[in-house]
Amino acid sequence: QFVVDLTADLNLANKQIEDLRDNRKGYKNWIKFLVSCKKDFPKIIPVVQISDEGVDNAKEFYDRIKKQVESLDENFETIVYRFPLEYENFKADLDVICQAISSDKIISIIDAGFITQEKSPIYSPMAISVINNLGQFSFGKIVLAATSFPKNPTEFGGEEYGEFELEEYRLYAEVE
């Protein structure tokens, strides 16, 4: 099993990614792509895409998400709802998603992103609060994701040697 998602990093996006993220008609392109991938990879777990591009109001936004989730539910045993740690609307998203699919079929991934050195004490209370709020949804699994691996490891030493802490381990220890 593996999770299939699209990058949210605009520096890594291209026309194909933009087409897959298109939220019209319940993310039709994303669903079609996933179903075609399932033929070769039957155990893929898709991530629900969330985009407000071209949406005029909250009802339209959530109708598109609901349609996507219903299509995912028809084609996959499990789905992932992934959101940034600091995203404030996760409960509203999940209310809609859980109306369309049983919450035990959802893996929730809280993405803390990049954690700089010695900053896990700042992130851990936020993560604990989000996890406590997720308790009302009875998910199959809740995952906390983070990284502290720098873009340029040489900033923590020389060209051939350096040290830095894996801050995400501290975060996980503080949250569990």
N, C-alpha and C. Protein backbone atom coordinates (compact mmCIF):
# COMPACT_ATOMS: atom_id res chain seq x y z
N GLN A 1 0.83 -1.19 0.00
CA GLN A 1 0.00 0.00 0.00
C GLN A 1 0.87 1.24 0.00
N PHE A 2 0.40 2.27 -0.68
CA PHE A 2 1.06 3.56 -0.62
C PHE A 2 0.04 4.65 -0.90
N VAL A 3 0.36 5.84 -0.43
CA VAL A 3 -0.53 6.99 -0.56
C VAL A 3 -0.14 7.79 -1.80
N VAL A 4 -1.15 8.22 -2.56
CA VAL A 4 -0.93 9.03 -3.76
C VAL A 4 -1.50 10.42 -3.51
N ASP A 5 -0.64 11.42 -3.67
CA ASP A 5 -1.04 12.80 -3.47
C ASP A 5 -0.43 13.66 -4.56
N LEU A 6 -0.82 14.90 -4.61
CA LEU A 6 -0.26 15.88 -5.54
C LEU A 6 0.49 16.93 -4.74
N THR A 7 1.54 17.45 -5.32
CA THR A 7 2.30 18.48 -4.64
C THR A 7 1.50 19.77 -4.54
N ALA A 8 1.66 20.44 -3.41
CA ALA A 8 1.07 21.76 -3.23
C ALA A 8 2.12 22.85 -3.46
N ASP A 9 3.36 22.43 -3.68
CA ASP A 9 4.46 23.36 -3.90
C ASP A 9 4.39 23.87 -5.34
N LEU A 10 4.11 25.16 -5.48
CA LEU A 10 3.96 25.74 -6.81
C LEU A 10 5.23 25.64 -7.63
N ASN A 11 6.39 25.56 -6.99
CA ASN A 11 7.65 25.42 -7.70
C ASN A 11 7.78 24.05 -8.38
N LEU A 12 7.03 23.09 -7.90
CA LEU A 12 7.10 21.74 -8.44
C LEU A 12 5.92 21.41 -9.37
N ALA A 13 4.96 22.29 -9.43
CA ALA A 13 3.75 22.03 -10.22
C ALA A 13 4.01 22.25 -11.72
N ASN A 14 3.17 21.63 -12.51
CA ASN A 14 3.21 21.80 -13.97
C ASN A 14 1.76 21.70 -14.48
N LYS A 15 1.59 21.74 -15.77
CA LYS A 15 0.25 21.72 -16.36
C LYS A 15 -0.52 20.45 -15.98
N GLN A 16 0.16 19.31 -15.97
CA GLN A 16 -0.51 18.05 -15.62
C GLN A 16 -1.00 18.07 -14.17
N ILE A 17 -0.17 18.58 -13.27
CA ILE A 17 -0.56 18.67 -11.85
C ILE A 17 -1.77 19.61 -11.73
N GLU A 18 -1.71 20.75 -12.40
CA GLU A 18 -2.81 21.70 -12.35
C GLU A 18 -4.11 21.07 -12.86
N ASP A 19 -4.01 20.28 -13.93
CA ASP A 19 -5.20 19.60 -14.46
C ASP A 19 -5.76 18.60 -13.45
N LEU A 20 -4.90 17.89 -12.76
CA LEU A 20 -5.35 16.91 -11.77
C LEU A 20 -5.97 17.59 -10.55
N ARG A 21 -5.52 18.77 -10.21
CA ARG A 21 -6.04 19.51 -9.06
C ARG A 21 -7.34 20.27 -9.39
N ASP A 22 -7.74 20.28 -10.64
CA ASP A 22 -8.94 20.99 -11.07
C ASP A 22 -10.14 20.47 -10.28
N ASN A 23 -10.81 21.36 -9.56
CA ASN A 23 -11.89 20.92 -8.68
C ASN A 23 -13.27 20.88 -9.34
N ARG A 24 -13.34 21.25 -10.60
CA ARG A 24 -14.64 21.20 -11.27
C ARG A 24 -15.12 19.75 -11.41
N LYS A 25 -16.42 19.61 -11.39
CA LYS A 25 -17.05 18.29 -11.53
C LYS A 25 -16.52 17.28 -10.53
N GLY A 26 -16.33 17.73 -9.29
CA GLY A 26 -15.91 16.81 -8.22
C GLY A 26 -14.52 16.25 -8.41
N TYR A 27 -13.61 17.08 -8.94
CA TYR A 27 -12.21 16.67 -9.14
C TYR A 27 -12.14 15.49 -10.12
N LYS A 28 -12.92 15.59 -11.16
CA LYS A 28 -13.06 14.52 -12.16
C LYS A 28 -11.72 14.01 -12.69
N ASN A 29 -10.79 14.91 -13.00
CA ASN A 29 -9.49 14.49 -13.55
C ASN A 29 -8.69 13.67 -12.54
N TRP A 30 -8.74 14.07 -11.29
CA TRP A 30 -8.04 13.36 -10.21
C TRP A 30 -8.61 11.96 -10.06
N ILE A 31 -9.91 11.86 -10.04
CA ILE A 31 -10.57 10.55 -9.90
C ILE A 31 -10.22 9.64 -11.08
N LYS A 32 -10.31 10.18 -12.28
CA LYS A 32 -10.00 9.40 -13.48
C LYS A 32 -8.55 8.90 -13.44
N PHE A 33 -7.63 9.76 -13.05
CA PHE A 33 -6.22 9.38 -12.92
C PHE A 33 -6.04 8.26 -11.89
N LEU A 34 -6.65 8.40 -10.75
CA LEU A 34 -6.52 7.39 -9.69
C LEU A 34 -7.09 6.04 -10.12
N VAL A 35 -8.24 6.05 -10.75
CA VAL A 35 -8.85 4.80 -11.21
C VAL A 35 -7.96 4.12 -12.24
N SER A 36 -7.33 4.90 -13.13
CA SER A 36 -6.42 4.30 -14.11
C SER A 36 -5.18 3.73 -13.42
N CYS A 37 -4.69 4.38 -12.39
CA CYS A 37 -3.52 3.88 -11.63
C CYS A 37 -3.86 2.59 -10.87
N LYS A 38 -5.10 2.50 -10.44
CA LYS A 38 -5.52 1.35 -9.63
C LYS A 38 -5.38 0.03 -10.39
N LYS A 39 -5.44 0.09 -11.71
CA LYS A 39 -5.30 -1.12 -12.51
C LYS A 39 -3.93 -1.77 -12.28
N ASP A 40 -2.89 -0.95 -12.22
CA ASP A 40 -1.54 -1.46 -12.00
C ASP A 40 -1.15 -1.50 -10.52
N PHE A 41 -1.80 -0.68 -9.72
CA PHE A 41 -1.47 -0.58 -8.29
C PHE A 41 -2.76 -0.66 -7.48
N PRO A 42 -3.30 -1.85 -7.30
CA PRO A 42 -4.63 -1.99 -6.69
C PRO A 42 -4.72 -1.55 -5.22
N LYS A 43 -3.59 -1.37 -4.56
CA LYS A 43 -3.64 -1.01 -3.14
C LYS A 43 -3.35 0.47 -2.87
N ILE A 44 -3.43 1.31 -3.90
CA ILE A 44 -3.15 2.73 -3.65
C ILE A 44 -4.22 3.34 -2.74
N ILE A 45 -3.78 4.32 -1.99
CA ILE A 45 -4.67 5.06 -1.10
C ILE A 45 -4.62 6.52 -1.54
N PRO A 46 -5.71 7.05 -2.08
CA PRO A 46 -5.70 8.42 -2.58
C PRO A 46 -5.91 9.46 -1.48
N VAL A 47 -5.35 10.63 -1.73
CA VAL A 47 -5.54 11.78 -0.84
C VAL A 47 -6.64 12.65 -1.41
N VAL A 48 -7.55 13.07 -0.56
CA VAL A 48 -8.60 14.00 -0.95
C VAL A 48 -7.93 15.33 -1.29
N GLN A 49 -8.23 15.85 -2.47
CA GLN A 49 -7.68 17.14 -2.87
C GLN A 49 -8.63 18.25 -2.40
N ILE A 50 -8.03 19.33 -1.93
CA ILE A 50 -8.81 20.46 -1.43
C ILE A 50 -8.33 21.72 -2.16
N SER A 51 -9.23 22.34 -2.90
CA SER A 51 -8.88 23.56 -3.63
C SER A 51 -10.11 24.47 -3.69
N ASP A 52 -9.88 25.75 -3.41
CA ASP A 52 -10.98 26.70 -3.50
C ASP A 52 -10.91 27.54 -4.78
N GLU A 53 -10.04 27.15 -5.69
CA GLU A 53 -9.87 27.90 -6.93
C GLU A 53 -11.16 27.85 -7.76
N GLY A 54 -11.61 29.02 -8.19
CA GLY A 54 -12.79 29.10 -9.04
C GLY A 54 -14.09 28.83 -8.31
N VAL A 55 -14.07 28.85 -6.99
CA VAL A 55 -15.27 28.56 -6.21
C VAL A 55 -15.80 29.88 -5.65
N ASP A 56 -17.11 30.08 -5.78
CA ASP A 56 -17.71 31.35 -5.37
C ASP A 56 -18.17 31.38 -3.91
N ASN A 57 -18.47 30.21 -3.34
CA ASN A 57 -19.01 30.21 -1.97
C ASN A 57 -18.71 28.87 -1.29
N ALA A 58 -18.97 28.81 0.01
CA ALA A 58 -18.65 27.63 0.80
C ALA A 58 -19.47 26.41 0.35
N LYS A 59 -20.72 26.62 0.00
CA LYS A 59 -21.55 25.48 -0.43
C LYS A 59 -20.95 24.82 -1.66
N GLU A 60 -20.58 25.63 -2.66
CA GLU A 60 -19.97 25.09 -3.88
C GLU A 60 -18.65 24.38 -3.55
N PHE A 61 -17.84 24.97 -2.69
CA PHE A 61 -16.56 24.39 -2.27
C PHE A 61 -16.78 23.00 -1.68
N TYR A 62 -17.72 22.90 -0.75
CA TYR A 62 -17.94 21.62 -0.08
C TYR A 62 -18.72 20.64 -0.95
N ASP A 63 -19.56 21.10 -1.85
CA ASP A 63 -20.23 20.19 -2.78
C ASP A 63 -19.21 19.47 -3.66
N ARG A 64 -18.19 20.21 -4.10
CA ARG A 64 -17.14 19.61 -4.95
C ARG A 64 -16.32 18.59 -4.17
N ILE A 65 -16.01 18.91 -2.94
CA ILE A 65 -15.26 17.96 -2.09
C ILE A 65 -16.10 16.72 -1.83
N LYS A 66 -17.37 16.92 -1.50
CA LYS A 66 -18.25 15.78 -1.21
C LYS A 66 -18.36 14.86 -2.42
N LYS A 67 -18.52 15.44 -3.61
CA LYS A 67 -18.62 14.63 -4.82
C LYS A 67 -17.33 13.83 -5.03
N GLN A 68 -16.19 14.47 -4.80
CA GLN A 68 -14.90 13.77 -4.93
C GLN A 68 -14.83 12.60 -3.95
N VAL A 69 -15.18 12.84 -2.70
CA VAL A 69 -15.10 11.80 -1.67
C VAL A 69 -16.04 10.64 -1.99
N GLU A 70 -17.23 10.94 -2.48
CA GLU A 70 -18.16 9.87 -2.86
C GLU A 70 -17.57 9.02 -3.98
N SER A 71 -16.92 9.65 -4.95
CA SER A 71 -16.28 8.91 -6.04
C SER A 71 -15.11 8.08 -5.52
N LEU A 72 -14.33 8.66 -4.62
CA LEU A 72 -13.22 7.90 -4.03
C LEU A 72 -13.74 6.69 -3.26
N ASP A 73 -14.82 6.88 -2.54
CA ASP A 73 -15.40 5.79 -1.75
C ASP A 73 -15.89 4.66 -2.65
N GLU A 74 -16.38 4.99 -3.84
CA GLU A 74 -16.84 3.96 -4.78
C GLU A 74 -15.69 3.12 -5.32
N ASN A 75 -14.48 3.69 -5.34
CA ASN A 75 -13.35 3.05 -6.01
C ASN A 75 -12.22 2.59 -5.10
N PHE A 76 -12.20 3.02 -3.84
CA PHE A 76 -11.08 2.71 -2.95
C PHE A 76 -11.58 2.35 -1.55
N GLU A 77 -10.84 1.46 -0.91
CA GLU A 77 -11.22 1.02 0.43
C GLU A 77 -10.92 2.07 1.49
N THR A 78 -9.86 2.82 1.29
CA THR A 78 -9.40 3.80 2.27
C THR A 78 -9.01 5.08 1.53
N ILE A 79 -9.23 6.22 2.19
CA ILE A 79 -8.77 7.49 1.63
C ILE A 79 -7.99 8.24 2.71
N VAL A 80 -7.26 9.24 2.27
CA VAL A 80 -6.48 10.08 3.20
C VAL A 80 -6.99 11.51 3.12
N TYR A 81 -7.16 12.09 4.28
CA TYR A 81 -7.40 13.53 4.37
C TYR A 81 -6.14 14.11 5.01
N ARG A 82 -5.39 14.87 4.24
CA ARG A 82 -4.12 15.45 4.69
C ARG A 82 -4.27 16.96 4.76
N PHE A 83 -3.82 17.54 5.87
CA PHE A 83 -3.94 18.98 6.02
C PHE A 83 -2.77 19.53 6.84
N PRO A 84 -2.40 20.79 6.59
CA PRO A 84 -1.31 21.41 7.35
C PRO A 84 -1.70 21.58 8.82
N LEU A 85 -0.74 21.45 9.69
CA LEU A 85 -0.97 21.58 11.12
C LEU A 85 -1.69 22.88 11.46
N GLU A 86 -1.38 23.94 10.78
CA GLU A 86 -1.95 25.25 11.11
C GLU A 86 -3.25 25.56 10.34
N TYR A 87 -3.78 24.60 9.61
CA TYR A 87 -5.02 24.79 8.84
C TYR A 87 -6.20 24.83 9.80
N GLU A 88 -6.96 25.90 9.76
CA GLU A 88 -8.03 26.10 10.73
C GLU A 88 -9.36 25.48 10.34
N ASN A 89 -9.57 25.16 9.07
CA ASN A 89 -10.88 24.67 8.62
C ASN A 89 -10.99 23.15 8.54
N PHE A 90 -10.07 22.43 9.18
CA PHE A 90 -10.10 20.97 9.04
C PHE A 90 -11.39 20.36 9.57
N LYS A 91 -11.95 20.90 10.64
CA LYS A 91 -13.19 20.32 11.18
C LYS A 91 -14.36 20.50 10.21
N ALA A 92 -14.45 21.65 9.57
CA ALA A 92 -15.52 21.87 8.59
C ALA A 92 -15.35 20.93 7.40
N ASP A 93 -14.11 20.78 6.93
CA ASP A 93 -13.85 19.83 5.84
C ASP A 93 -14.28 18.43 6.25
N LEU A 94 -13.88 18.04 7.44
CA LEU A 94 -14.16 16.68 7.90
C LEU A 94 -15.63 16.43 8.15
N ASP A 95 -16.36 17.45 8.58
CA ASP A 95 -17.81 17.27 8.73
C ASP A 95 -18.43 16.84 7.40
N VAL A 96 -18.01 17.49 6.31
CA VAL A 96 -18.53 17.17 4.98
C VAL A 96 -18.03 15.80 4.51
N ILE A 97 -16.75 15.56 4.69
CA ILE A 97 -16.16 14.30 4.26
C ILE A 97 -16.81 13.11 4.98
N CYS A 98 -17.03 13.26 6.28
CA CYS A 98 -17.60 12.16 7.07
C CYS A 98 -19.09 11.97 6.82
N GLN A 99 -19.74 12.93 6.16
CA GLN A 99 -21.12 12.72 5.72
C GLN A 99 -21.14 11.83 4.48
N ALA A 100 -20.04 11.84 3.73
CA ALA A 100 -19.97 11.09 2.47
C ALA A 100 -19.36 9.71 2.62
N ILE A 101 -18.57 9.50 3.67
CA ILE A 101 -17.84 8.25 3.83
C ILE A 101 -17.69 7.95 5.33
N SER A 102 -17.69 6.70 5.66
CA SER A 102 -17.51 6.31 7.06
C SER A 102 -16.12 6.74 7.56
N SER A 103 -16.07 7.35 8.72
CA SER A 103 -14.80 7.88 9.23
C SER A 103 -13.74 6.80 9.46
N ASP A 104 -14.15 5.55 9.66
CA ASP A 104 -13.15 4.50 9.86
C ASP A 104 -12.43 4.12 8.57
N LYS A 105 -12.88 4.68 7.43
CA LYS A 105 -12.21 4.46 6.15
C LYS A 105 -11.24 5.59 5.81
N ILE A 106 -11.05 6.51 6.77
CA ILE A 106 -10.22 7.69 6.53
C ILE A 106 -8.96 7.63 7.38
N ILE A 107 -7.84 7.88 6.74
CA ILE A 107 -6.59 8.11 7.45
C ILE A 107 -6.39 9.63 7.45
N SER A 108 -6.24 10.19 8.61
CA SER A 108 -6.03 11.63 8.71
C SER A 108 -4.54 11.90 8.91
N ILE A 109 -3.96 12.69 8.03
CA ILE A 109 -2.54 13.05 8.15
C ILE A 109 -2.44 14.53 8.48
N ILE A 110 -1.87 14.80 9.63
CA ILE A 110 -1.59 16.18 10.05
C ILE A 110 -0.17 16.46 9.61
N ASP A 111 -0.01 17.41 8.72
CA ASP A 111 1.30 17.71 8.15
C ASP A 111 1.91 18.94 8.84
N ALA A 112 2.87 18.69 9.72
CA ALA A 112 3.55 19.77 10.43
C ALA A 112 4.62 20.42 9.56
N GLY A 113 4.90 19.83 8.41
CA GLY A 113 5.87 20.43 7.49
C GLY A 113 7.29 20.38 8.02
N PHE A 114 8.05 21.42 7.71
CA PHE A 114 9.46 21.51 8.12
C PHE A 114 9.56 22.13 9.51
N ILE A 115 10.25 21.44 10.40
CA ILE A 115 10.45 21.92 11.77
C ILE A 115 11.92 22.27 11.94
N THR A 116 12.20 23.52 12.21
CA THR A 116 13.58 23.95 12.40
C THR A 116 14.11 23.45 13.73
N GLN A 117 15.40 23.47 13.88
CA GLN A 117 16.07 22.96 15.07
C GLN A 117 15.53 23.63 16.34
N GLU A 118 15.26 22.77 17.32
CA GLU A 118 14.82 23.17 18.67
C GLU A 118 13.44 23.83 18.69
N LYS A 119 12.63 23.57 17.68
CA LYS A 119 11.29 24.18 17.62
C LYS A 119 10.15 23.19 17.91
N SER A 120 10.45 21.93 18.19
CA SER A 120 9.37 20.99 18.46
C SER A 120 8.50 21.41 19.65
N PRO A 121 9.04 22.06 20.70
CA PRO A 121 8.15 22.50 21.78
C PRO A 121 7.09 23.52 21.33
N ILE A 122 7.32 24.19 20.22
CA ILE A 122 6.32 25.12 19.69
C ILE A 122 5.24 24.35 18.94
N TYR A 123 5.64 23.31 18.21
CA TYR A 123 4.71 22.54 17.38
C TYR A 123 3.90 21.52 18.18
N SER A 124 4.48 20.96 19.22
CA SER A 124 3.79 19.87 19.93
C SER A 124 2.47 20.28 20.57
N PRO A 125 2.33 21.44 21.22
CA PRO A 125 1.01 21.79 21.75
C PRO A 125 -0.04 21.96 20.65
N MET A 126 0.37 22.51 19.51
CA MET A 126 -0.57 22.65 18.39
C MET A 126 -1.01 21.27 17.90
N ALA A 127 -0.05 20.35 17.76
CA ALA A 127 -0.37 19.00 17.29
C ALA A 127 -1.30 18.28 18.26
N ILE A 128 -1.03 18.41 19.55
CA ILE A 128 -1.88 17.77 20.57
C ILE A 128 -3.30 18.32 20.49
N SER A 129 -3.43 19.62 20.33
CA SER A 129 -4.75 20.24 20.23
C SER A 129 -5.51 19.73 19.00
N VAL A 130 -4.84 19.65 17.86
CA VAL A 130 -5.49 19.15 16.64
C VAL A 130 -5.89 17.69 16.82
N ILE A 131 -5.00 16.89 17.35
CA ILE A 131 -5.31 15.46 17.56
C ILE A 131 -6.51 15.31 18.49
N ASN A 132 -6.57 16.10 19.55
CA ASN A 132 -7.73 16.05 20.45
C ASN A 132 -9.01 16.42 19.72
N ASN A 133 -8.94 17.41 18.84
CA ASN A 133 -10.12 17.81 18.05
C ASN A 133 -10.54 16.73 17.06
N LEU A 134 -9.58 15.96 16.58
CA LEU A 134 -9.90 14.88 15.64
C LEU A 134 -10.59 13.71 16.33
N GLY A 135 -10.51 13.64 17.63
CA GLY A 135 -11.11 12.54 18.38
C GLY A 135 -12.59 12.37 18.12
N GLN A 136 -13.30 13.43 17.80
CA GLN A 136 -14.74 13.35 17.57
C GLN A 136 -15.09 12.61 16.28
N PHE A 137 -14.11 12.35 15.42
CA PHE A 137 -14.40 11.76 14.12
C PHE A 137 -14.17 10.25 14.05
N SER A 138 -13.55 9.63 15.02
CA SER A 138 -13.34 8.18 15.05
C SER A 138 -12.66 7.64 13.80
N PHE A 139 -11.51 8.19 13.46
CA PHE A 139 -10.78 7.76 12.28
C PHE A 139 -10.17 6.38 12.44
N GLY A 140 -9.89 5.77 11.27
CA GLY A 140 -9.15 4.52 11.28
C GLY A 140 -7.74 4.75 11.81
N LYS A 141 -7.12 5.85 11.38
CA LYS A 141 -5.76 6.18 11.82
C LYS A 141 -5.57 7.69 11.76
N ILE A 142 -4.73 8.18 12.67
CA ILE A 142 -4.29 9.57 12.65
C ILE A 142 -2.77 9.54 12.59
N VAL A 143 -2.20 10.27 11.64
CA VAL A 143 -0.75 10.30 11.43
C VAL A 143 -0.28 11.73 11.60
N LEU A 144 0.84 11.90 12.30
CA LEU A 144 1.49 13.19 12.39
C LEU A 144 2.76 13.12 11.56
N ALA A 145 2.85 13.96 10.54
CA ALA A 145 4.00 13.95 9.64
C ALA A 145 4.79 15.25 9.80
N ALA A 146 6.11 15.12 9.74
CA ALA A 146 6.99 16.30 9.84
C ALA A 146 8.37 15.91 9.34
N THR A 147 9.19 16.92 9.06
CA THR A 147 10.59 16.68 8.73
C THR A 147 11.42 17.80 9.29
N SER A 148 12.65 17.49 9.59
CA SER A 148 13.60 18.52 10.01
C SER A 148 14.87 18.43 9.16
N PHE A 149 14.81 17.60 8.12
CA PHE A 149 15.98 17.45 7.27
C PHE A 149 16.13 18.71 6.42
N PRO A 150 17.26 19.40 6.53
CA PRO A 150 17.42 20.67 5.83
C PRO A 150 17.62 20.52 4.32
N LYS A 151 17.27 21.57 3.58
CA LYS A 151 17.51 21.57 2.14
C LYS A 151 19.00 21.47 1.86
N ASN A 152 19.80 22.06 2.71
CA ASN A 152 21.25 22.06 2.53
C ASN A 152 21.92 21.61 3.84
N PRO A 153 22.20 20.30 3.97
CA PRO A 153 22.78 19.79 5.22
C PRO A 153 24.13 20.41 5.59
N THR A 154 24.82 21.00 4.63
CA THR A 154 26.13 21.59 4.94
C THR A 154 26.01 22.81 5.85
N GLU A 155 24.79 23.34 6.01
CA GLU A 155 24.64 24.47 6.91
C GLU A 155 24.83 24.06 8.38
N PHE A 156 24.88 22.77 8.64
CA PHE A 156 25.11 22.26 10.00
C PHE A 156 26.49 21.65 10.13
N GLY A 157 27.43 22.12 9.38
CA GLY A 157 28.80 21.61 9.43
C GLY A 157 29.53 21.98 8.16
N GLY A 158 30.46 21.13 7.78
CA GLY A 158 31.24 21.39 6.58
C GLY A 158 30.69 20.63 5.39
N GLU A 159 31.52 20.55 4.35
CA GLU A 159 31.12 19.86 3.13
C GLU A 159 31.01 18.35 3.32
N GLU A 160 31.79 17.80 4.26
CA GLU A 160 31.83 16.35 4.42
C GLU A 160 31.28 15.86 5.75
N TYR A 161 31.05 16.75 6.70
CA TYR A 161 30.58 16.31 8.00
C TYR A 161 29.78 17.42 8.67
N GLY A 162 28.75 17.03 9.36
CA GLY A 162 27.95 17.98 10.13
C GLY A 162 26.94 17.22 10.97
N GLU A 163 26.31 17.91 11.88
CA GLU A 163 25.32 17.28 12.76
C GLU A 163 24.11 18.18 12.90
N PHE A 164 22.94 17.55 12.93
CA PHE A 164 21.72 18.25 13.28
C PHE A 164 20.78 17.21 13.89
N GLU A 165 19.91 17.68 14.74
CA GLU A 165 18.95 16.79 15.40
C GLU A 165 17.76 16.52 14.47
N LEU A 166 17.22 15.33 14.57
CA LEU A 166 15.99 15.00 13.86
C LEU A 166 14.83 15.48 14.74
N GLU A 167 14.49 16.71 14.54
CA GLU A 167 13.51 17.40 15.39
C GLU A 167 12.15 16.72 15.39
N GLU A 168 11.81 16.03 14.30
CA GLU A 168 10.52 15.35 14.25
C GLU A 168 10.41 14.24 15.30
N TYR A 169 11.54 13.61 15.66
CA TYR A 169 11.51 12.60 16.72
C TYR A 169 11.14 13.23 18.05
N ARG A 170 11.68 14.40 18.30
CA ARG A 170 11.31 15.12 19.53
C ARG A 170 9.83 15.47 19.51
N LEU A 171 9.36 15.92 18.35
CA LEU A 171 7.94 16.26 18.23
C LEU A 171 7.09 15.04 18.55
N TYR A 172 7.39 13.91 17.93
CA TYR A 172 6.61 12.70 18.16
C TYR A 172 6.63 12.28 19.62
N ALA A 173 7.79 12.37 20.26
CA ALA A 173 7.91 12.01 21.67
C ALA A 173 7.08 12.94 22.55
N GLU A 174 7.04 14.20 22.22
CA GLU A 174 6.27 15.17 23.01
C GLU A 174 4.77 15.00 22.80
N VAL A 175 4.38 14.49 21.64
CA VAL A 175 2.95 14.35 21.34
C VAL A 175 2.38 13.03 21.85
N GLU A 176 3.19 11.96 21.83
CA GLU A 176 2.60 10.66 22.23
C GLU A 176 2.33 10.61 23.66
